[in-house]
């Protein structure tokens, strides 16, 4: 199954028995982005009762995932959120649900359904797209080759990240994994 992701932040709100559940999904490529996202939500919602979340991140060591109930009964918040991420095979994302308690207890089953519904709603409005794994390629090319390079790379979804000029041009290119060999051939690198 192809992995998927989102490229920007989406937010939705769900209310049940006066409790508000604000679900936010955002792309998070590493631990620093993840921490910044969660800290930002905590600052935006200082009066919230709970800030629950789940994330899935692809690392060089493989897929890592985690969920957090944030004081809700075990398995009633983070697990339902994580199951929606797993169901859509989403990676490099964090889905957080901020809860403002409305005064009526929902019970364990009610909480799990509410957090699951909040996660489902935000995923319904999010634009989910295939995750593309990129590799970096560095090459020395001549100026004539460099003039048309960007247009040719675009055909493969690749782009020049950096160019250093000297006797030739040393380029650093960001290439989708699926087109790496084709771009190598294009540059006649062996």
Protein backbone atom coordinates (compact mmCIF):
# COMPACT_ATOMS: atom_id res chain seq x y z
CA UNK A 1 0.00 0.00 0.00
CA UNK A 2 1.32 3.43 -0.95
CA UNK A 3 2.10 5.75 1.94
CA UNK A 4 0.25 9.07 2.02
CA UNK A 5 0.74 12.46 3.62
CA UNK A 6 -0.63 16.00 3.78
CA UNK A 7 1.29 19.07 2.65
CA UNK A 8 -0.41 21.66 4.84
CA UNK A 9 -2.38 22.05 8.06
CA UNK A 10 -6.12 21.34 8.29
CA UNK A 11 -8.48 21.95 11.19
CA UNK A 12 -12.05 21.02 12.06
CA UNK A 13 -14.24 21.16 15.13
CA UNK A 14 -16.66 18.65 16.59
CA UNK A 15 -19.01 19.16 19.55
CA UNK A 16 -20.85 16.60 21.66
CA UNK A 17 -22.62 17.25 24.98
CA UNK A 18 -21.01 20.72 25.16
CA UNK A 19 -17.47 19.28 24.92
CA UNK A 20 -15.52 20.81 22.02
CA UNK A 21 -13.02 18.71 20.11
CA UNK A 22 -10.72 20.67 17.80
CA UNK A 23 -8.80 18.37 15.45
CA UNK A 24 -5.69 19.61 13.64
CA UNK A 25 -3.51 17.62 11.25
CA UNK A 26 -0.16 18.95 10.04
CA UNK A 27 2.85 17.68 8.12
CA UNK A 28 5.77 16.90 10.45
CA UNK A 29 8.95 15.63 8.90
CA UNK A 30 11.01 15.34 12.08
CA UNK A 31 10.96 15.60 15.85
CA UNK A 32 11.64 19.34 15.90
CA UNK A 33 8.64 20.10 13.65
CA UNK A 34 6.50 17.76 15.72
CA UNK A 35 7.46 19.44 18.99
CA UNK A 36 6.95 22.93 17.53
CA UNK A 37 3.47 21.96 16.26
CA UNK A 38 2.36 20.57 19.63
CA UNK A 39 3.84 23.51 21.55
CA UNK A 40 2.03 25.94 19.26
CA UNK A 41 -1.31 24.18 19.87
CA UNK A 42 -0.69 24.26 23.64
CA UNK A 43 -0.03 28.03 23.45
CA UNK A 44 -3.16 28.59 21.32
CA UNK A 45 -5.36 26.60 23.72
CA UNK A 46 -4.09 27.27 27.26
CA UNK A 47 -7.56 26.66 28.77
CA UNK A 48 -8.07 23.30 27.04
CA UNK A 49 -8.70 20.29 29.25
CA UNK A 50 -6.67 17.87 27.09
CA UNK A 51 -4.28 17.97 24.14
CA UNK A 52 -4.18 14.45 22.73
CA UNK A 53 -2.33 13.36 19.63
CA UNK A 54 -0.93 10.65 17.41
CA UNK A 55 1.89 10.82 14.91
CA UNK A 56 3.59 8.63 12.33
CA UNK A 57 7.03 9.58 10.97
CA UNK A 58 9.23 7.75 8.49
CA UNK A 59 12.84 7.78 9.71
CA UNK A 60 15.98 6.21 8.24
CA UNK A 61 15.43 3.40 10.78
CA UNK A 62 11.85 2.83 9.61
CA UNK A 63 8.34 3.95 10.53
CA UNK A 64 7.84 5.32 14.04
CA UNK A 65 4.44 6.05 15.53
CA UNK A 66 3.12 7.19 18.87
CA UNK A 67 -0.13 8.22 20.48
CA UNK A 68 -0.85 10.08 23.72
CA UNK A 69 -4.05 10.18 25.80
CA UNK A 70 -3.03 13.34 27.74
CA UNK A 71 -4.79 12.32 30.92
CA UNK A 72 -7.88 10.79 29.33
CA UNK A 73 -8.57 7.15 30.31
CA UNK A 74 -6.03 4.84 28.67
CA UNK A 75 -6.81 4.05 25.04
CA UNK A 76 -9.73 6.48 24.70
CA UNK A 77 -8.00 9.34 22.87
CA UNK A 78 -4.62 8.67 21.27
CA UNK A 79 -5.43 5.15 20.06
CA UNK A 80 -8.58 6.16 18.09
CA UNK A 81 -6.63 9.03 16.51
CA UNK A 82 -3.71 6.76 15.59
CA UNK A 83 -6.03 4.16 14.06
CA UNK A 84 -7.31 6.77 11.58
CA UNK A 85 -3.74 7.67 10.58
CA UNK A 86 -2.95 3.99 10.11
CA UNK A 87 -6.16 3.42 8.15
CA UNK A 88 -5.20 6.10 5.62
CA UNK A 89 -1.53 4.99 5.76
CA UNK A 90 -0.49 8.54 6.57
CA UNK A 91 3.16 9.26 7.39
CA UNK A 92 5.12 12.34 8.37
CA UNK A 93 2.02 13.82 10.01
CA UNK A 94 0.72 14.59 13.47
CA UNK A 95 -2.98 14.69 14.23
CA UNK A 96 -3.81 16.44 17.51
CA UNK A 97 -7.21 16.84 19.14
CA UNK A 98 -7.72 19.64 21.66
CA UNK A 99 -10.62 19.04 24.07
CA UNK A 100 -12.54 21.59 26.05
CA UNK A 101 -14.62 19.69 28.64
CA UNK A 102 -18.31 20.64 28.51
CA UNK A 103 -19.35 19.41 31.93
CA UNK A 104 -20.91 16.07 30.94
CA UNK A 105 -18.81 12.91 31.20
CA UNK A 106 -18.88 10.83 28.03
CA UNK A 107 -17.62 7.52 29.45
CA UNK A 108 -14.76 5.52 27.95
CA UNK A 109 -16.73 4.41 24.89
CA UNK A 110 -18.12 7.89 24.32
CA UNK A 111 -14.64 9.44 24.57
CA UNK A 112 -13.17 6.95 22.09
CA UNK A 113 -16.01 7.65 19.64
CA UNK A 114 -15.68 11.42 20.08
CA UNK A 115 -11.91 11.46 19.52
CA UNK A 116 -12.31 9.09 16.58
CA UNK A 117 -15.04 11.29 15.07
CA UNK A 118 -12.89 14.42 15.48
CA UNK A 119 -9.99 12.67 13.71
CA UNK A 120 -12.29 11.37 10.95
CA UNK A 121 -13.74 14.85 10.33
CA UNK A 122 -10.39 16.58 9.86
CA UNK A 123 -9.23 13.79 7.53
CA UNK A 124 -12.38 14.24 5.44
CA UNK A 125 -11.44 17.85 4.66
CA UNK A 126 -7.69 17.25 4.29
CA UNK A 127 -6.14 16.81 0.87
CA UNK A 128 -4.32 13.51 1.16
CA UNK A 129 -1.63 12.84 -1.39
CA UNK A 130 0.91 10.10 -2.03
CA UNK A 131 4.10 10.45 0.01
CA UNK A 132 7.14 10.86 -2.23
CA UNK A 133 10.51 9.74 -0.90
CA UNK A 134 13.34 11.97 -2.18
CA UNK A 135 17.06 11.40 -2.59
CA UNK A 136 19.80 13.94 -3.14
CA UNK A 137 22.09 13.68 -6.15
CA UNK A 138 25.21 15.78 -6.62
CA UNK A 139 26.78 16.18 -10.05
CA UNK A 140 29.36 18.22 -11.96
CA UNK A 141 27.98 19.41 -15.31
CA UNK A 142 28.99 21.99 -17.90
CA UNK A 143 27.26 25.34 -18.35
CA UNK A 144 25.57 24.27 -21.59
CA UNK A 145 23.94 21.29 -19.82
CA UNK A 146 22.89 23.51 -16.92
CA UNK A 147 20.89 25.93 -19.13
CA UNK A 148 18.14 23.39 -19.86
CA UNK A 149 18.47 21.34 -16.70
CA UNK A 150 15.52 22.74 -14.71
CA UNK A 151 13.04 22.07 -17.51
CA UNK A 152 14.31 18.51 -17.98
CA UNK A 153 14.30 17.81 -14.23
CA UNK A 154 10.69 19.00 -13.94
CA UNK A 155 9.70 16.08 -16.19
CA UNK A 156 10.81 13.77 -13.35
CA UNK A 157 9.51 15.88 -10.45
CA UNK A 158 13.09 16.75 -9.54
CA UNK A 159 14.58 20.18 -8.85
CA UNK A 160 17.93 21.89 -8.39
CA UNK A 161 18.43 22.67 -4.71
CA UNK A 162 21.83 24.32 -5.07
CA UNK A 163 24.28 25.30 -7.81
CA UNK A 164 27.94 26.24 -7.35
CA UNK A 165 29.70 27.86 -10.28
CA UNK A 166 33.35 27.27 -11.20
CA UNK A 167 34.92 25.66 -14.24
CA UNK A 168 31.61 23.85 -14.49
CA UNK A 169 28.47 23.79 -12.37
CA UNK A 170 28.19 21.56 -9.31
CA UNK A 171 24.50 20.92 -8.77
CA UNK A 172 22.66 19.38 -5.88
CA UNK A 173 19.38 17.93 -7.08
CA UNK A 174 16.37 16.71 -5.10
CA UNK A 175 15.02 13.66 -6.93
CA UNK A 176 11.99 11.46 -6.25
CA UNK A 177 13.26 7.97 -5.39
CA UNK A 178 11.22 6.50 -8.25
CA UNK A 179 13.10 8.62 -10.84
CA UNK A 180 16.60 8.57 -9.37
CA UNK A 181 18.14 6.30 -12.01
CA UNK A 182 16.50 8.20 -14.87
CA UNK A 183 17.93 11.50 -13.60
CA UNK A 184 21.34 9.84 -13.23
CA UNK A 185 21.12 8.76 -16.88
CA UNK A 186 20.01 12.25 -17.88
CA UNK A 187 23.16 13.67 -16.31
CA UNK A 188 25.24 10.74 -17.62
CA UNK A 189 26.46 9.86 -14.14
CA UNK A 190 27.64 6.33 -13.49
